[in-house]
């Protein structure tokens, strides 16, 4: 009971993820449309756990703003990531880029920065970029399969390089400003749960 009392939000997130996987296995593929709510809930839990940390607003804001404007540049020009467009799944857009994209970048970078040991110092910068690119390696196939966004052709290598560059830039700003995040349970389980859900959807659902 003490575990549930202390980690009720994390338990809820795990249950929702498992529930989503079960529904996919049962053929209820319409839950893919709930992806934005899933991301928002995940982000809300993480922010809840970190809200008392110094500079948390800046940590969130830096990643959200840089990530969003990088995507804006990418969609409008094809620079950074390649030629792609967003579908309707992620909700309202500003200049063809869903507002949710900023939330996703903030979520990804907050999680990555919290799990990388502070003692790694400058090494955390390229490692953060690499982890972001590896995460996107799975995310891209899920997103393109289910209409979150689509490419003009196959997924280009420039997309993963773009993720590495943008994540490295954000991590560099975090390092320069001395932003520190301690690891938490929700941060540790976020990416593994995402990847399990994405892979399950790719295996079970045909569109």
Protein backbone atom coordinates (compact mmCIF):
# COMPACT_ATOMS: atom_id res chain seq x y z
CA UNK A 1 0.00 0.00 0.00
CA UNK A 2 2.87 2.37 0.75
CA UNK A 3 4.23 1.81 -2.74
CA UNK A 4 0.89 2.77 -4.30
CA UNK A 5 0.58 5.76 -1.96
CA UNK A 6 4.02 7.07 -2.92
CA UNK A 7 3.90 6.16 -6.60
CA UNK A 8 0.20 6.27 -7.48
CA UNK A 9 0.83 8.44 -10.55
CA UNK A 10 3.49 6.07 -11.89
CA UNK A 11 1.27 3.05 -11.23
CA UNK A 12 -1.58 4.79 -13.07
CA UNK A 13 0.66 5.44 -16.06
CA UNK A 14 1.83 1.82 -16.15
CA UNK A 15 -1.77 0.57 -15.93
CA UNK A 16 -2.87 2.86 -18.76
CA UNK A 17 0.03 1.69 -20.93
CA UNK A 18 -0.74 -1.98 -20.27
CA UNK A 19 -4.43 -1.28 -20.83
CA UNK A 20 -3.63 0.30 -24.19
CA UNK A 21 -1.55 -2.70 -25.20
CA UNK A 22 -4.37 -5.09 -24.21
CA UNK A 23 -6.90 -3.07 -26.22
CA UNK A 24 -4.57 -3.16 -29.23
CA UNK A 25 -4.29 -6.92 -28.84
CA UNK A 26 -8.09 -7.10 -28.82
CA UNK A 27 -8.25 -5.12 -32.05
CA UNK A 28 -9.35 -1.77 -30.60
CA UNK A 29 -6.93 0.23 -32.72
CA UNK A 30 -8.95 3.45 -32.36
CA UNK A 31 -7.09 4.14 -29.13
CA UNK A 32 -4.22 5.37 -31.30
CA UNK A 33 -6.28 8.56 -31.59
CA UNK A 34 -5.76 9.03 -27.86
CA UNK A 35 -1.99 9.36 -28.26
CA UNK A 36 -2.04 13.13 -27.41
CA UNK A 37 -3.87 12.43 -24.14
CA UNK A 38 -1.37 9.69 -23.31
CA UNK A 39 1.53 12.09 -23.88
CA UNK A 40 -0.14 14.88 -21.91
CA UNK A 41 -0.78 12.58 -18.95
CA UNK A 42 2.82 11.40 -19.02
CA UNK A 43 4.07 14.99 -19.17
CA UNK A 44 1.75 16.06 -16.35
CA UNK A 45 3.02 13.29 -14.07
CA UNK A 46 6.64 14.20 -14.76
CA UNK A 47 6.06 17.91 -14.20
CA UNK A 48 4.21 17.05 -10.99
CA UNK A 49 7.21 15.09 -9.75
CA UNK A 50 9.74 17.79 -10.70
CA UNK A 51 7.79 20.98 -10.05
CA UNK A 52 9.76 21.88 -6.90
CA UNK A 53 13.11 21.52 -8.68
CA UNK A 54 14.95 24.83 -9.33
CA UNK A 55 14.75 26.08 -12.92
CA UNK A 56 12.15 23.47 -13.88
CA UNK A 57 10.16 26.04 -15.87
CA UNK A 58 13.29 26.96 -17.83
CA UNK A 59 14.17 23.29 -18.38
CA UNK A 60 10.72 22.68 -19.83
CA UNK A 61 10.56 25.97 -21.75
CA UNK A 62 13.96 25.63 -23.44
CA UNK A 63 13.19 22.19 -24.83
CA UNK A 64 9.61 23.05 -25.81
CA UNK A 65 10.55 26.25 -27.63
CA UNK A 66 13.68 24.98 -29.39
CA UNK A 67 11.98 21.73 -30.33
CA UNK A 68 8.86 23.47 -31.64
CA UNK A 69 10.73 26.05 -33.71
CA UNK A 70 13.06 23.39 -35.09
CA UNK A 71 9.98 21.46 -36.22
CA UNK A 72 8.47 24.65 -37.62
CA UNK A 73 11.59 25.26 -39.66
CA UNK A 74 11.58 21.62 -40.72
CA UNK A 75 7.96 21.60 -41.89
CA UNK A 76 8.17 24.90 -43.71
CA UNK A 77 11.57 24.42 -45.41
CA UNK A 78 12.61 20.77 -45.20
CA UNK A 79 15.77 21.91 -43.39
CA UNK A 80 17.00 19.91 -40.36
CA UNK A 81 14.75 16.83 -40.57
CA UNK A 82 13.71 16.51 -44.22
CA UNK A 83 10.39 16.87 -46.07
CA UNK A 84 7.44 15.88 -43.91
CA UNK A 85 3.97 17.05 -42.87
CA UNK A 86 1.91 16.54 -39.75
CA UNK A 87 -1.43 14.75 -39.75
CA UNK A 88 -4.42 15.50 -37.53
CA UNK A 89 -3.74 13.01 -34.70
CA UNK A 90 -1.66 15.37 -32.55
CA UNK A 91 -4.31 18.06 -32.48
CA UNK A 92 -4.28 21.88 -32.99
CA UNK A 93 -1.45 23.38 -35.02
CA UNK A 94 0.43 26.64 -35.36
CA UNK A 95 1.76 27.12 -38.89
CA UNK A 96 1.21 23.41 -39.63
CA UNK A 97 3.05 22.21 -36.50
CA UNK A 98 0.97 20.70 -33.66
CA UNK A 99 1.32 22.44 -30.31
CA UNK A 100 1.74 18.94 -28.87
CA UNK A 101 5.15 18.72 -30.58
CA UNK A 102 6.57 21.23 -28.11
CA UNK A 103 5.21 19.12 -25.26
CA UNK A 104 6.81 16.01 -26.75
CA UNK A 105 10.23 17.65 -27.04
CA UNK A 106 10.01 18.95 -23.46
CA UNK A 107 8.99 15.49 -22.25
CA UNK A 108 11.76 13.66 -24.11
CA UNK A 109 14.53 16.04 -23.02
CA UNK A 110 13.38 16.23 -19.40
CA UNK A 111 13.39 12.44 -19.18
CA UNK A 112 16.77 12.09 -20.88
CA UNK A 113 18.40 14.79 -18.77
CA UNK A 114 17.12 13.26 -15.54
CA UNK A 115 18.54 9.79 -16.25
CA UNK A 116 22.01 10.94 -17.34
CA UNK A 117 24.41 11.13 -14.35
CA UNK A 118 25.58 14.64 -13.51
CA UNK A 119 29.13 13.31 -13.05
CA UNK A 120 29.31 12.68 -16.80
CA UNK A 121 29.53 16.46 -17.25
CA UNK A 122 30.14 17.39 -20.90
CA UNK A 123 29.72 13.79 -22.02
CA UNK A 124 26.02 14.14 -21.23
CA UNK A 125 25.59 16.46 -24.21
CA UNK A 126 26.31 14.01 -27.05
CA UNK A 127 24.79 11.11 -25.10
CA UNK A 128 21.55 13.09 -24.76
CA UNK A 129 21.55 13.63 -28.53
CA UNK A 130 22.18 9.95 -29.15
CA UNK A 131 19.39 8.81 -26.80
CA UNK A 132 16.94 11.20 -28.43
CA UNK A 133 17.84 9.89 -31.89
CA UNK A 134 17.52 6.26 -30.74
CA UNK A 135 14.11 7.00 -29.23
CA UNK A 136 13.03 8.60 -32.50
CA UNK A 137 14.15 5.51 -34.39
CA UNK A 138 11.14 3.70 -32.91
CA UNK A 139 8.84 6.72 -32.72
CA UNK A 140 9.15 7.46 -36.44
CA UNK A 141 7.80 4.10 -37.52
CA UNK A 142 4.89 4.36 -35.10
CA UNK A 143 4.12 7.96 -36.11
CA UNK A 144 4.20 7.37 -39.84
CA UNK A 145 2.18 4.15 -39.59
CA UNK A 146 -0.63 5.83 -37.65
CA UNK A 147 -0.74 9.25 -39.25
CA UNK A 148 0.91 11.46 -36.65
CA UNK A 149 3.09 12.71 -39.48
CA UNK A 150 4.20 11.58 -42.91
CA UNK A 151 7.27 11.80 -45.14
CA UNK A 152 7.76 12.61 -48.78
CA UNK A 153 9.18 9.16 -49.43
CA UNK A 154 11.01 7.02 -46.89
CA UNK A 155 12.29 8.32 -43.54
CA UNK A 156 15.60 10.05 -44.34
CA UNK A 157 18.81 9.75 -42.36
CA UNK A 158 18.72 13.55 -42.00
CA UNK A 159 15.73 13.15 -39.67
CA UNK A 160 17.74 11.20 -37.11
CA UNK A 161 20.69 13.55 -37.51
CA UNK A 162 18.25 16.40 -36.96
CA UNK A 163 17.01 14.85 -33.73
CA UNK A 164 20.60 14.42 -32.60
CA UNK A 165 21.47 18.04 -33.40
CA UNK A 166 18.39 19.56 -31.76
CA UNK A 167 18.68 17.40 -28.64
CA UNK A 168 22.40 18.18 -28.40
CA UNK A 169 21.66 21.91 -28.64
CA UNK A 170 19.10 21.67 -25.84
CA UNK A 171 21.48 19.60 -23.72
CA UNK A 172 24.23 22.16 -24.31
CA UNK A 173 22.00 24.92 -22.97
CA UNK A 174 21.13 22.78 -19.96
CA UNK A 175 24.83 22.22 -19.29
CA UNK A 176 25.78 25.88 -19.76
CA UNK A 177 23.09 26.95 -17.29
CA UNK A 178 23.92 24.22 -14.82
CA UNK A 179 20.47 22.65 -14.91
CA UNK A 180 20.32 19.48 -12.83
CA UNK A 181 17.57 16.88 -12.59
CA UNK A 182 17.68 13.93 -10.25
CA UNK A 183 16.36 10.60 -11.55
CA UNK A 184 12.81 9.64 -10.61
CA UNK A 185 10.75 6.51 -11.17
CA UNK A 186 8.50 8.15 -13.76
CA UNK A 187 11.50 9.44 -15.70
CA UNK A 188 13.12 6.01 -15.68
CA UNK A 189 10.03 4.18 -16.96
CA UNK A 190 8.78 6.71 -19.53
CA UNK A 191 10.87 5.79 -22.55
CA UNK A 192 10.73 2.02 -21.98
CA UNK A 193 6.92 2.19 -21.70
CA UNK A 194 6.66 4.36 -24.81
CA UNK A 195 8.83 1.97 -26.80
CA UNK A 196 6.88 -1.08 -25.64
CA UNK A 197 3.62 0.60 -26.64
CA UNK A 198 4.96 1.77 -30.02
CA UNK A 199 6.41 -1.65 -30.89
CA UNK A 200 3.24 -3.44 -29.77
CA UNK A 201 1.12 -1.19 -31.96
CA UNK A 202 3.42 -1.78 -34.93
CA UNK A 203 3.23 -5.53 -34.49
CA UNK A 204 -0.48 -5.87 -33.75
CA UNK A 205 -2.17 -3.20 -35.85
CA UNK A 206 -2.31 -3.12 -39.63
CA UNK A 207 -3.57 0.04 -41.35
